[in-house]
Amino acid sequence: MQNGYAGAFLSRVQFYSCIAFSSQLKRGKEYADLAPVVMVVITAGFQALPEEKECISYHQTINVGNGKHQLKCLSYVFVELDKFTKEADKLESLEDDWLYMMTKFDRANNIQKMK
């Protein structure tokens, strides 16, 4: 989890996902053996993608001309905890419970039942 803004953060995210993808290919392996990489990025203390409204956003490489998703090996899930604003009495799903717990984790003295 990234706590606070770091310069060139989005470039680092892409760089690390490329390392995870390319490091799979060992001598004697085929490109077809490569598994897709989904980079899950959790941030707190800053917004990595301020133009996104939701706290969870999904990103893939697409053809900007026709919108087709043909390059499927790298994708990203951003969880921006600063954008999650629900209070404990408004949690509606297991996802909400997890997001709430992650946003309040540093302030919790003990684990309490969410619902």
PDB file of N, CA and C in Angstrom:
ATOM      1  N   MET A   1       0.851  -1.169   0.000  1.00  0.00           N
ATOM      2  CA  MET A   1       0.000   0.000   0.000  1.00  0.00           C
ATOM      3  C   MET A   1       0.895   1.229   0.000  1.00  0.00           C
ATOM      4  N   GLN A   2       0.501   2.210  -0.785  1.00  0.00           N
ATOM      5  CA  GLN A   2       1.240   3.470  -0.871  1.00  0.00           C
ATOM      6  C   GLN A   2       0.582   4.476   0.065  1.00  0.00           C
ATOM      7  N   ASN A   3       1.325   4.954   1.051  1.00  0.00           N
ATOM      8  CA  ASN A   3       0.846   5.978   1.982  1.00  0.00           C
ATOM      9  C   ASN A   3       1.489   7.301   1.619  1.00  0.00           C
ATOM     10  N   GLY A   4       0.756   8.128   0.921  1.00  0.00           N
ATOM     11  CA  GLY A   4       1.279   9.433   0.542  1.00  0.00           C
ATOM     12  C   GLY A   4       1.812   9.441  -0.877  1.00  0.00           C
ATOM     13  N   TYR A   5       1.804  10.616  -1.453  1.00  0.00           N
ATOM     14  CA  TYR A   5       2.194  10.793  -2.847  1.00  0.00           C
ATOM     15  C   TYR A   5       3.693  10.579  -3.026  1.00  0.00           C
ATOM     16  N   ALA A   6       4.038   9.925  -4.111  1.00  0.00           N
ATOM     17  CA  ALA A   6       5.438   9.773  -4.512  1.00  0.00           C
ATOM     18  C   ALA A   6       5.529  10.171  -5.978  1.00  0.00           C
ATOM     19  N   GLY A   7       6.564  10.911  -6.336  1.00  0.00           N
ATOM     20  CA  GLY A   7       6.730  11.373  -7.710  1.00  0.00           C
ATOM     21  C   GLY A   7       6.719  10.228  -8.710  1.00  0.00           C
ATOM     22  N   ALA A   8       6.134  10.467  -9.860  1.00  0.00           N
ATOM     23  CA  ALA A   8       6.057   9.488 -10.948  1.00  0.00           C
ATOM     24  C   ALA A   8       5.415   8.174 -10.496  1.00  0.00           C
ATOM     25  N   PHE A   9       4.446   8.267  -9.596  1.00  0.00           N
ATOM     26  CA  PHE A   9       3.815   7.078  -9.028  1.00  0.00           C
ATOM     27  C   PHE A   9       3.216   6.169 -10.096  1.00  0.00           C
ATOM     28  N   LEU A  10       2.463   6.737 -11.036  1.00  0.00           N
ATOM     29  CA  LEU A  10       1.814   5.912 -12.056  1.00  0.00           C
ATOM     30  C   LEU A  10       2.841   5.244 -12.964  1.00  0.00           C
ATOM     31  N   SER A  11       3.946   5.907 -13.227  1.00  0.00           N
ATOM     32  CA  SER A  11       5.021   5.283 -14.011  1.00  0.00           C
ATOM     33  C   SER A  11       5.612   4.102 -13.251  1.00  0.00           C
ATOM     34  N   ARG A  12       5.785   4.253 -11.943  1.00  0.00           N
ATOM     35  CA  ARG A  12       6.307   3.153 -11.134  1.00  0.00           C
ATOM     36  C   ARG A  12       5.357   1.967 -11.129  1.00  0.00           C
ATOM     37  N   VAL A  13       4.056   2.232 -11.040  1.00  0.00           N
ATOM     38  CA  VAL A  13       3.060   1.156 -11.063  1.00  0.00           C
ATOM     39  C   VAL A  13       3.188   0.355 -12.353  1.00  0.00           C
ATOM     40  N   GLN A  14       3.276   1.052 -13.481  1.00  0.00           N
ATOM     41  CA  GLN A  14       3.403   0.364 -14.765  1.00  0.00           C
ATOM     42  C   GLN A  14       4.730  -0.384 -14.869  1.00  0.00           C
ATOM     43  N   PHE A  15       5.787   0.217 -14.376  1.00  0.00           N
ATOM     44  CA  PHE A  15       7.103  -0.415 -14.391  1.00  0.00           C
ATOM     45  C   PHE A  15       7.084  -1.725 -13.603  1.00  0.00           C
ATOM     46  N   TYR A  16       6.528  -1.689 -12.391  1.00  0.00           N
ATOM     47  CA  TYR A  16       6.487  -2.896 -11.565  1.00  0.00           C
ATOM     48  C   TYR A  16       5.619  -3.984 -12.190  1.00  0.00           C
ATOM     49  N   SER A  17       4.539  -3.612 -12.843  1.00  0.00           N
ATOM     50  CA  SER A  17       3.710  -4.629 -13.494  1.00  0.00           C
ATOM     51  C   SER A  17       4.457  -5.260 -14.664  1.00  0.00           C
ATOM     52  N   CYS A  18       5.235  -4.469 -15.377  1.00  0.00           N
ATOM     53  CA  CYS A  18       6.043  -5.016 -16.481  1.00  0.00           C
ATOM     54  C   CYS A  18       7.116  -5.970 -15.956  1.00  0.00           C
ATOM     55  N   ILE A  19       7.719  -5.644 -14.821  1.00  0.00           N
ATOM     56  CA  ILE A  19       8.703  -6.547 -14.220  1.00  0.00           C
ATOM     57  C   ILE A  19       8.034  -7.864 -13.836  1.00  0.00           C
ATOM     58  N   ALA A  20       6.861  -7.783 -13.206  1.00  0.00           N
ATOM     59  CA  ALA A  20       6.143  -8.997 -12.807  1.00  0.00           C
ATOM     60  C   ALA A  20       5.805  -9.852 -14.021  1.00  0.00           C
ATOM     61  N   PHE A  21       5.467  -9.209 -15.123  1.00  0.00           N
ATOM     62  CA  PHE A  21       5.127  -9.939 -16.346  1.00  0.00           C
ATOM     63  C   PHE A  21       6.373 -10.544 -16.985  1.00  0.00           C
ATOM     64  N   SER A  22       7.396  -9.741 -17.185  1.00  0.00           N
ATOM     65  CA  SER A  22       8.581 -10.216 -17.911  1.00  0.00           C
ATOM     66  C   SER A  22       9.417 -11.203 -17.102  1.00  0.00           C
ATOM     67  N   SER A  23       9.383 -11.124 -15.785  1.00  0.00           N
ATOM     68  CA  SER A  23      10.196 -12.042 -14.977  1.00  0.00           C
ATOM     69  C   SER A  23       9.654 -13.467 -14.985  1.00  0.00           C
ATOM     70  N   GLN A  24       8.470 -13.667 -15.516  1.00  0.00           N
ATOM     71  CA  GLN A  24       7.918 -15.018 -15.634  1.00  0.00           C
ATOM     72  C   GLN A  24       8.635 -15.843 -16.693  1.00  0.00           C
ATOM     73  N   LEU A  25       9.202 -15.169 -17.688  1.00  0.00           N
ATOM     74  CA  LEU A  25       9.760 -15.873 -18.843  1.00  0.00           C
ATOM     75  C   LEU A  25      11.193 -16.307 -18.551  1.00  0.00           C
ATOM     76  N   LYS A  26      11.335 -17.555 -18.225  1.00  0.00           N
ATOM     77  CA  LYS A  26      12.649 -18.132 -17.948  1.00  0.00           C
ATOM     78  C   LYS A  26      13.127 -18.894 -19.181  1.00  0.00           C
ATOM     79  N   ARG A  27      14.390 -19.232 -19.181  1.00  0.00           N
ATOM     80  CA  ARG A  27      14.974 -19.975 -20.296  1.00  0.00           C
ATOM     81  C   ARG A  27      14.165 -21.247 -20.557  1.00  0.00           C
ATOM     82  N   GLY A  28      13.851 -21.468 -21.810  1.00  0.00           N
ATOM     83  CA  GLY A  28      13.099 -22.654 -22.203  1.00  0.00           C
ATOM     84  C   GLY A  28      11.588 -22.487 -22.159  1.00  0.00           C
ATOM     85  N   LYS A  29      11.117 -21.377 -21.632  1.00  0.00           N
ATOM     86  CA  LYS A  29       9.672 -21.124 -21.575  1.00  0.00           C
ATOM     87  C   LYS A  29       9.221 -20.433 -22.858  1.00  0.00           C
ATOM     88  N   GLU A  30       7.969 -20.591 -23.162  1.00  0.00           N
ATOM     89  CA  GLU A  30       7.373 -19.970 -24.343  1.00  0.00           C
ATOM     90  C   GLU A  30       6.567 -18.735 -23.921  1.00  0.00           C
ATOM     91  N   TYR A  31       6.416 -17.807 -24.838  1.00  0.00           N
ATOM     92  CA  TYR A  31       5.606 -16.622 -24.554  1.00  0.00           C
ATOM     93  C   TYR A  31       4.178 -17.010 -24.187  1.00  0.00           C
ATOM     94  N   ALA A  32       3.700 -18.102 -24.755  1.00  0.00           N
ATOM     95  CA  ALA A  32       2.343 -18.568 -24.451  1.00  0.00           C
ATOM     96  C   ALA A  32       2.205 -18.996 -22.991  1.00  0.00           C
ATOM     97  N   ASP A  33       3.333 -19.255 -22.317  1.00  0.00           N
ATOM     98  CA  ASP A  33       3.309 -19.665 -20.908  1.00  0.00           C
ATOM     99  C   ASP A  33       3.124 -18.486 -19.952  1.00  0.00           C
ATOM    100  N   LEU A  34       3.220 -17.265 -20.453  1.00  0.00           N
ATOM    101  CA  LEU A  34       3.104 -16.085 -19.591  1.00  0.00           C
ATOM    102  C   LEU A  34       1.677 -15.940 -19.054  1.00  0.00           C
ATOM    103  N   ALA A  35       1.570 -15.739 -17.763  1.00  0.00           N
ATOM    104  CA  ALA A  35       0.266 -15.499 -17.140  1.00  0.00           C
ATOM    105  C   ALA A  35       0.000 -13.995 -17.113  1.00  0.00           C
ATOM    106  N   PRO A  36      -1.251 -13.599 -17.275  1.00  0.00           N
ATOM    107  CA  PRO A  36      -1.578 -12.173 -17.163  1.00  0.00           C
ATOM    108  C   PRO A  36      -1.232 -11.653 -15.770  1.00  0.00           C
ATOM    109  N   VAL A  37      -0.935 -10.374 -15.687  1.00  0.00           N
ATOM    110  CA  VAL A  37      -0.631  -9.723 -14.410  1.00  0.00           C
ATOM    111  C   VAL A  37      -1.720  -8.693 -14.133  1.00  0.00           C
ATOM    112  N   VAL A  38      -2.311  -8.799 -12.958  1.00  0.00           N
ATOM    113  CA  VAL A  38      -3.260  -7.792 -12.487  1.00  0.00           C
ATOM    114  C   VAL A  38      -2.590  -7.097 -11.313  1.00  0.00           C
ATOM    115  N   MET A  39      -2.258  -5.845 -11.500  1.00  0.00           N
ATOM    116  CA  MET A  39      -1.596  -5.062 -10.456  1.00  0.00           C
ATOM    117  C   MET A  39      -2.677  -4.413  -9.598  1.00  0.00           C
ATOM    118  N   VAL A  40      -2.743  -4.794  -8.333  1.00  0.00           N
ATOM    119  CA  VAL A  40      -3.691  -4.200  -7.397  1.00  0.00           C
ATOM    120  C   VAL A  40      -2.935  -3.130  -6.612  1.00  0.00           C
ATOM    121  N   VAL A  41      -3.392  -1.889  -6.744  1.00  0.00           N
ATOM    122  CA  VAL A  41      -2.716  -0.739  -6.146  1.00  0.00           C
ATOM    123  C   VAL A  41      -3.642  -0.135  -5.092  1.00  0.00           C
ATOM    124  N   ILE A  42      -3.199  -0.124  -3.842  1.00  0.00           N
ATOM    125  CA  ILE A  42      -3.990   0.456  -2.754  1.00  0.00           C
ATOM    126  C   ILE A  42      -3.267   1.707  -2.274  1.00  0.00           C
ATOM    127  N   THR A  43      -3.979   2.827  -2.282  1.00  0.00           N
ATOM    128  CA  THR A  43      -3.363   4.089  -1.867  1.00  0.00           C
ATOM    129  C   THR A  43      -4.126   4.701  -0.693  1.00  0.00           C
ATOM    130  N   ALA A  44      -3.399   5.449   0.117  1.00  0.00           N
ATOM    131  CA  ALA A  44      -3.984   6.220   1.218  1.00  0.00           C
ATOM    132  C   ALA A  44      -3.150   7.485   1.373  1.00  0.00           C
ATOM    133  N   GLY A  45      -3.804   8.567   1.701  1.00  0.00           N
ATOM    134  CA  GLY A  45      -3.082   9.818   1.910  1.00  0.00           C
ATOM    135  C   GLY A  45      -2.949  10.674   0.670  1.00  0.00           C
ATOM    136  N   PHE A  46      -3.357  10.163  -0.455  1.00  0.00           N
ATOM    137  CA  PHE A  46      -3.365  10.934  -1.699  1.00  0.00           C
ATOM    138  C   PHE A  46      -4.239  10.209  -2.708  1.00  0.00           C
ATOM    139  N   GLN A  47      -4.600  10.887  -3.777  1.00  0.00           N
ATOM    140  CA  GLN A  47      -5.386  10.286  -4.845  1.00  0.00           C
ATOM    141  C   GLN A  47      -4.489  10.120  -6.061  1.00  0.00           C
ATOM    142  N   ALA A  48      -4.234   8.877  -6.432  1.00  0.00           N
ATOM    143  CA  ALA A  48      -3.393   8.593  -7.591  1.00  0.00           C
ATOM    144  C   ALA A  48      -4.089   8.996  -8.883  1.00  0.00           C
ATOM    145  N   LEU A  49      -5.403   8.857  -8.901  1.00  0.00           N
ATOM    146  CA  LEU A  49      -6.198   9.162 -10.091  1.00  0.00           C
ATOM    147  C   LEU A  49      -7.325  10.126  -9.696  1.00  0.00           C
ATOM    148  N   PRO A  50      -7.020  11.400  -9.527  1.00  0.00           N
ATOM    149  CA  PRO A  50      -8.024  12.343  -9.027  1.00  0.00           C
ATOM    150  C   PRO A  50      -9.241  12.497  -9.934  1.00  0.00           C
ATOM    151  N   GLU A  51      -9.107  12.193 -11.212  1.00  0.00           N
ATOM    152  CA  GLU A  51     -10.246  12.336 -12.122  1.00  0.00           C
ATOM    153  C   GLU A  51     -11.251  11.198 -11.986  1.00  0.00           C
ATOM    154  N   GLU A  52     -10.870  10.108 -11.323  1.00  0.00           N
ATOM    155  CA  GLU A  52     -11.790   8.993 -11.092  1.00  0.00           C
ATOM    156  C   GLU A  52     -12.651   9.303  -9.875  1.00  0.00           C
ATOM    157  N   LYS A  53     -13.959   9.078  -9.990  1.00  0.00           N
ATOM    158  CA  LYS A  53     -14.879   9.390  -8.892  1.00  0.00           C
ATOM    159  C   LYS A  53     -14.962   8.261  -7.869  1.00  0.00           C
ATOM    160  N   GLU A  54     -14.987   7.015  -8.349  1.00  0.00           N
ATOM    161  CA  GLU A  54     -15.149   5.857  -7.471  1.00  0.00           C
ATOM    162  C   GLU A  54     -13.837   5.519  -6.774  1.00  0.00           C
ATOM    163  N   CYS A  55     -13.936   4.864  -5.623  1.00  0.00           N
ATOM    164  CA  CYS A  55     -12.711   4.510  -4.899  1.00  0.00           C
ATOM    165  C   CYS A  55     -12.012   3.308  -5.533  1.00  0.00           C
ATOM    166  N   ILE A  56     -12.732   2.491  -6.288  1.00  0.00           N
ATOM    167  CA  ILE A  56     -12.110   1.374  -7.005  1.00  0.00           C
ATOM    168  C   ILE A  56     -12.295   1.617  -8.495  1.00  0.00           C
ATOM    169  N   SER A  57     -11.186   1.560  -9.230  1.00  0.00           N
ATOM    170  CA  SER A  57     -11.260   1.719 -10.686  1.00  0.00           C
ATOM    171  C   SER A  57     -10.424   0.635 -11.354  1.00  0.00           C
ATOM    172  N   TYR A  58     -10.860   0.223 -12.531  1.00  0.00           N
ATOM    173  CA  TYR A  58     -10.244  -0.871 -13.280  1.00  0.00           C
ATOM    174  C   TYR A  58      -9.693  -0.318 -14.595  1.00  0.00           C
ATOM    175  N   HIS A  59      -8.452  -0.697 -14.924  1.00  0.00           N
ATOM    176  CA  HIS A  59      -7.788  -0.142 -16.098  1.00  0.00           C
ATOM    177  C   HIS A  59      -7.161  -1.254 -16.928  1.00  0.00           C
ATOM    178  N   GLN A  60      -7.327  -1.133 -18.249  1.00  0.00           N
ATOM    179  CA  GLN A  60      -6.745  -2.078 -19.191  1.00  0.00           C
ATOM    180  C   GLN A  60      -6.190  -1.302 -20.375  1.00  0.00           C
ATOM    181  N   THR A  61      -5.355  -1.971 -21.154  1.00  0.00           N
ATOM    182  CA  THR A  61      -4.834  -1.369 -22.377  1.00  0.00           C
ATOM    183  C   THR A  61      -5.847  -1.614 -23.490  1.00  0.00           C
ATOM    184  N   ILE A  62      -6.297  -0.539 -24.125  1.00  0.00           N
ATOM    185  CA  ILE A  62      -7.256  -0.673 -25.218  1.00  0.00           C
ATOM    186  C   ILE A  62      -6.757   0.075 -26.451  1.00  0.00           C
ATOM    187  N   ASN A  63      -7.312  -0.273 -27.584  1.00  0.00           N
ATOM    188  CA  ASN A  63      -7.058   0.449 -28.820  1.00  0.00           C
ATOM    189  C   ASN A  63      -7.886   1.731 -28.758  1.00  0.00           C
ATOM    190  N   VAL A  64      -7.238   2.876 -28.766  1.00  0.00           N
ATOM    191  CA  VAL A  64      -7.971   4.137 -28.641  1.00  0.00           C
ATOM    192  C   VAL A  64      -8.808   4.439 -29.876  1.00  0.00           C
ATOM    193  N   GLY A  65      -8.487   3.809 -30.998  1.00  0.00           N
ATOM    194  CA  GLY A  65      -9.250   4.043 -32.219  1.00  0.00           C
ATOM    195  C   GLY A  65     -10.594   3.345 -32.235  1.00  0.00           C
ATOM    196  N   ASN A  66     -10.623   2.092 -31.748  1.00  0.00           N
ATOM    197  CA  ASN A  66     -11.874   1.341 -31.823  1.00  0.00           C
ATOM    198  C   ASN A  66     -12.363   0.823 -30.469  1.00  0.00           C
ATOM    199  N   GLY A  67     -11.617   1.076 -29.411  1.00  0.00           N
ATOM    200  CA  GLY A  67     -12.040   0.659 -28.081  1.00  0.00           C
ATOM    201  C   GLY A  67     -11.867  -0.817 -27.781  1.00  0.00           C
ATOM    202  N   LYS A  68     -11.240  -1.560 -28.693  1.00  0.00           N
ATOM    203  CA  LYS A  68     -11.081  -3.005 -28.479  1.00  0.00           C
ATOM    204  C   LYS A  68      -9.965  -3.285 -27.479  1.00  0.00           C
ATOM    205  N   HIS A  69     -10.205  -4.307 -26.684  1.00  0.00           N
ATOM    206  CA  HIS A  69      -9.239  -4.741 -25.667  1.00  0.00           C
ATOM    207  C   HIS A  69      -8.542  -5.992 -26.196  1.00  0.00           C
ATOM    208  N   GLN A  70      -7.399  -5.789 -26.854  1.00  0.00           N
ATOM    209  CA  GLN A  70      -6.668  -6.900 -27.455  1.00  0.00           C
ATOM    210  C   GLN A  70      -5.377  -7.221 -26.707  1.00  0.00           C
ATOM    211  N   LEU A  71      -4.800  -6.269 -26.021  1.00  0.00           N
ATOM    212  CA  LEU A  71      -3.576  -6.479 -25.239  1.00  0.00           C
ATOM    213  C   LEU A  71      -4.005  -6.783 -23.806  1.00  0.00           C
ATOM    214  N   LYS A  72      -4.156  -8.067 -23.498  1.00  0.00           N
ATOM    215  CA  LYS A  72      -4.831  -8.482 -22.269  1.00  0.00           C
ATOM    216  C   LYS A  72      -3.908  -8.926 -21.144  1.00  0.00           C
ATOM    217  N   CYS A  73      -2.619  -8.795 -21.303  1.00  0.00           N
ATOM    218  CA  CYS A  73      -1.699  -9.354 -20.304  1.00  0.00           C
ATOM    219  C   CYS A  73      -1.472  -8.468 -19.087  1.00  0.00           C
ATOM    220  N   LEU A  74      -1.715  -7.176 -19.193  1.00  0.00           N
ATOM    221  CA  LEU A  74      -1.498  -6.268 -18.064  1.00  0.00           C
ATOM    222  C   LEU A  74      -2.781  -5.495 -17.773  1.00  0.00           C
ATOM    223  N   SER A  75      -3.200  -5.523 -16.534  1.00  0.00           N
ATOM    224  CA  SER A  75      -4.334  -4.703 -16.123  1.00  0.00           C
ATOM    225  C   SER A  75      -4.093  -4.230 -14.693  1.00  0.00           C
ATOM    226  N   TYR A  76      -4.873  -3.253 -14.289  1.00  0.00           N
ATOM    227  CA  TYR A  76      -4.637  -2.567 -13.023  1.00  0.00           C
ATOM    228  C   TYR A  76      -5.955  -2.359 -12.291  1.00  0.00           C
ATOM    229  N   VAL A  77      -5.917  -2.537 -10.985  1.00  0.00           N
ATOM    230  CA  VAL A  77      -7.044  -2.211 -10.120  1.00  0.00           C
ATOM    231  C   VAL A  77      -6.519  -1.219  -9.089  1.00  0.00           C
ATOM    232  N   PHE A  78      -7.088  -0.031  -9.080  1.00  0.00           N
ATOM    233  CA  PHE A  78      -6.697   0.991  -8.109  1.00  0.00           C
ATOM    234  C   PHE A  78      -7.759   1.066  -7.018  1.00  0.00           C
ATOM    235  N   VAL A  79      -7.327   0.965  -5.777  1.00  0.00           N
ATOM    236  CA  VAL A  79      -8.196   1.129  -4.617  1.00  0.00           C
ATOM    237  C   VAL A  79      -7.690   2.372  -3.889  1.00  0.00           C
ATOM    238  N   GLU A  80      -8.425   3.466  -4.038  1.00  0.00           N
ATOM    239  CA  GLU A  80      -8.021   4.742  -3.438  1.00  0.00           C
ATOM    240  C   GLU A  80      -8.850   4.960  -2.172  1.00  0.00           C
ATOM    241  N   LEU A  81      -8.255   4.625  -1.042  1.00  0.00           N
ATOM    242  CA  LEU A  81      -8.978   4.633   0.227  1.00  0.00           C
ATOM    243  C   LEU A  81      -9.494   6.016   0.606  1.00  0.00           C
ATOM    244  N   ASP A  82      -8.825   7.069   0.190  1.00  0.00           N
ATOM    245  CA  ASP A  82      -9.285   8.426   0.513  1.00  0.00           C
ATOM    246  C   ASP A  82     -10.641   8.750  -0.115  1.00  0.00           C
ATOM    247  N   LYS A  83     -11.033   7.997  -1.128  1.00  0.00           N
ATOM    248  CA  LYS A  83     -12.313   8.242  -1.796  1.00  0.00           C
ATOM    249  C   LYS A  83     -13.460   7.456  -1.164  1.00  0.00           C
ATOM    250  N   PHE A  84     -13.148   6.561  -0.229  1.00  0.00           N
ATOM    251  CA  PHE A  84     -14.196   5.789   0.447  1.00  0.00           C
ATOM    252  C   PHE A  84     -14.657   6.578   1.660  1.00  0.00           C
ATOM    253  N   THR A  85     -15.925   6.991   1.650  1.00  0.00           N
ATOM    254  CA  THR A  85     -16.414   7.899   2.696  1.00  0.00           C
ATOM    255  C   THR A  85     -17.568   7.335   3.521  1.00  0.00           C
ATOM    256  N   LYS A  86     -17.966   6.095   3.287  1.00  0.00           N
ATOM    257  CA  LYS A  86     -19.089   5.534   4.042  1.00  0.00           C
ATOM    258  C   LYS A  86     -18.721   5.353   5.511  1.00  0.00           C
ATOM    259  N   GLU A  87     -19.703   5.594   6.353  1.00  0.00           N
ATOM    260  CA  GLU A  87     -19.537   5.349   7.785  1.00  0.00           C
ATOM    261  C   GLU A  87     -20.036   3.945   8.103  1.00  0.00           C
ATOM    262  N   ALA A  88     -19.723   3.461   9.298  1.00  0.00           N
ATOM    263  CA  ALA A  88     -20.016   2.077   9.682  1.00  0.00           C
ATOM    264  C   ALA A  88     -21.493   1.725   9.532  1.00  0.00           C
ATOM    265  N   ASP A  89     -22.386   2.647   9.832  1.00  0.00           N
ATOM    266  CA  ASP A  89     -23.820   2.348   9.755  1.00  0.00           C
ATOM    267  C   ASP A  89     -24.360   2.357   8.325  1.00  0.00           C
ATOM    268  N   LYS A  90     -23.540   2.698   7.339  1.00  0.00           N
ATOM    269  CA  LYS A  90     -23.973   2.756   5.938  1.00  0.00           C
ATOM    270  C   LYS A  90     -23.364   1.641   5.079  1.00  0.00           C
ATOM    271  N   LEU A  91     -22.620   0.731   5.682  1.00  0.00           N
ATOM    272  CA  LEU A  91     -21.974  -0.339   4.921  1.00  0.00           C
ATOM    273  C   LEU A  91     -23.027  -1.304   4.402  1.00  0.00           C
ATOM    274  N   GLU A  92     -22.931  -1.650   3.106  1.00  0.00           N
ATOM    275  CA  GLU A  92     -23.961  -2.461   2.467  1.00  0.00           C
ATOM    276  C   GLU A  92     -23.461  -3.794   1.934  1.00  0.00           C
ATOM    277  N   SER A  93     -22.161  -3.993   1.868  1.00  0.00           N
ATOM    278  CA  SER A  93     -21.636  -5.200   1.229  1.00  0.00           C
ATOM    279  C   SER A  93     -20.328  -5.618   1.892  1.00  0.00           C
ATOM    280  N   LEU A  94     -19.879  -6.800   1.545  1.00  0.00           N
ATOM    281  CA  LEU A  94     -18.590  -7.274   2.038  1.00  0.00           C
ATOM    282  C   LEU A  94     -17.467  -6.360   1.546  1.00  0.00           C
ATOM    283  N   GLU A  95     -17.596  -5.876   0.309  1.00  0.00           N
ATOM    284  CA  GLU A  95     -16.617  -4.921  -0.225  1.00  0.00           C
ATOM    285  C   GLU A  95     -16.563  -3.660   0.639  1.00  0.00           C
ATOM    286  N   ASP A  96     -17.729  -3.142   0.998  1.00  0.00           N
ATOM    287  CA  ASP A  96     -17.782  -1.971   1.882  1.00  0.00           C
ATOM    288  C   ASP A  96     -17.092  -2.257   3.214  1.00  0.00           C
ATOM    289  N   ASP A  97     -17.343  -3.447   3.767  1.00  0.00           N
ATOM    290  CA  ASP A  97     -16.722  -3.819   5.046  1.00  0.00           C
ATOM    291  C   ASP A  97     -15.203  -3.780   4.945  1.00  0.00           C
ATOM    292  N   TRP A  98     -14.679  -4.367   3.879  1.00  0.00           N
ATOM    293  CA  TRP A  98     -13.220  -4.397   3.698  1.00  0.00           C
ATOM    294  C   TRP A  98     -12.659  -2.998   3.502  1.00  0.00           C
ATOM    295  N   LEU A  99     -13.305  -2.195   2.683  1.00  0.00           N
ATOM    296  CA  LEU A  99     -12.832  -0.831   2.452  1.00  0.00           C
ATOM    297  C   LEU A  99     -12.872  -0.016   3.738  1.00  0.00           C
ATOM    298  N   TYR A 100     -13.937  -0.172   4.498  1.00  0.00           N
ATOM    299  CA  TYR A 100     -14.055   0.540   5.769  1.00  0.00           C
ATOM    300  C   TYR A 100     -12.927   0.129   6.707  1.00  0.00           C
ATOM    301  N   MET A 101     -12.693  -1.180   6.816  1.00  0.00           N
ATOM    302  CA  MET A 101     -11.637  -1.677   7.690  1.00  0.00           C
ATOM    303  C   MET A 101     -10.274  -1.119   7.271  1.00  0.00           C
ATOM    304  N   MET A 102     -10.002  -1.095   5.968  1.00  0.00           N
ATOM    305  CA  MET A 102      -8.710  -0.585   5.503  1.00  0.00           C
ATOM    306  C   MET A 102      -8.560   0.913   5.764  1.00  0.00           C
ATOM    307  N   THR A 103      -9.663   1.671   5.635  1.00  0.00           N
ATOM    308  CA  THR A 103      -9.556   3.115   5.870  1.00  0.00           C
ATOM    309  C   THR A 103      -9.389   3.442   7.350  1.00  0.00           C
ATOM    310  N   LYS A 104      -9.905   2.589   8.224  1.00  0.00           N
ATOM    311  CA  LYS A 104      -9.858   2.850   9.670  1.00  0.00           C
ATOM    312  C   LYS A 104      -8.774   2.053  10.385  1.00  0.00           C
ATOM    313  N   PHE A 105      -8.037   1.246   9.673  1.00  0.00           N
ATOM    314  CA  PHE A 105      -7.093   0.310  10.289  1.00  0.00           C
ATOM    315  C   PHE A 105      -6.089   0.987  11.209  1.00  0.00           C
ATOM    316  N   ASP A 106      -5.539   2.105  10.792  1.00  0.00           N
ATOM    317  CA  ASP A 106      -4.507   2.763  11.601  1.00  0.00           C
ATOM    318  C   ASP A 106      -5.065   3.398  12.875  1.00  0.00           C
ATOM    319  N   ARG A 107      -6.386   3.532  12.954  1.00  0.00           N
ATOM    320  CA  ARG A 107      -7.007   4.137  14.129  1.00  0.00           C
ATOM    321  C   ARG A 107      -7.646   3.115  15.062  1.00  0.00           C
ATOM    322  N   ALA A 108      -7.638   1.855  14.656  1.00  0.00           N
ATOM    323  CA  ALA A 108      -8.317   0.816  15.441  1.00  0.00           C
ATOM    324  C   ALA A 108      -7.416   0.288  16.557  1.00  0.00           C
ATOM    325  N   ASN A 109      -7.971   0.182  17.743  1.00  0.00           N
ATOM    326  CA  ASN A 109      -7.248  -0.412  18.866  1.00  0.00           C
ATOM    327  C   ASN A 109      -7.534  -1.897  18.975  1.00  0.00           C
ATOM    328  N   ASN A 110      -8.705  -2.289  18.508  1.00  0.00           N
ATOM    329  CA  ASN A 110      -9.057  -3.702  18.494  1.00  0.00           C
ATOM    330  C   ASN A 110      -9.992  -3.966  17.332  1.00  0.00           C
ATOM    331  N   ILE A 111     -10.082  -5.217  16.976  1.00  0.00           N
ATOM    332  CA  ILE A 111     -10.939  -5.599  15.854  1.00  0.00           C
ATOM    333  C   ILE A 111     -12.364  -5.737  16.372  1.00  0.00           C
ATOM    334  N   GLN A 112     -13.271  -5.050  15.722  1.00  0.00           N
ATOM    335  CA  GLN A 112     -14.669  -5.115  16.111  1.00  0.00           C
ATOM    336  C   GLN A 112     -15.470  -5.716  14.975  1.00  0.00           C
ATOM    337  N   LYS A 113     -16.594  -6.307  15.325  1.00  0.00           N
ATOM    338  CA  LYS A 113     -17.487  -6.846  14.314  1.00  0.00           C
ATOM    339  C   LYS A 113     -18.071  -5.679  13.527  1.00  0.00           C
ATOM    340  N   MET A 114     -18.010  -5.782  12.183  1.00  0.00           N
ATOM    341  CA  MET A 114     -18.473  -4.678  11.336  1.00  0.00           C
ATOM    342  C   MET A 114     -19.994  -4.551  11.338  1.00  0.00           C
ATOM    343  N   LYS A 115     -20.676  -5.682  11.300  1.00  0.00           N
ATOM    344  CA  LYS A 115     -22.143  -5.646  11.239  1.00  0.00           C
ATOM    345  C   LYS A 115     -22.723  -6.563  12.278  1.00  0.00           C
TER     346      LYS A 115
END
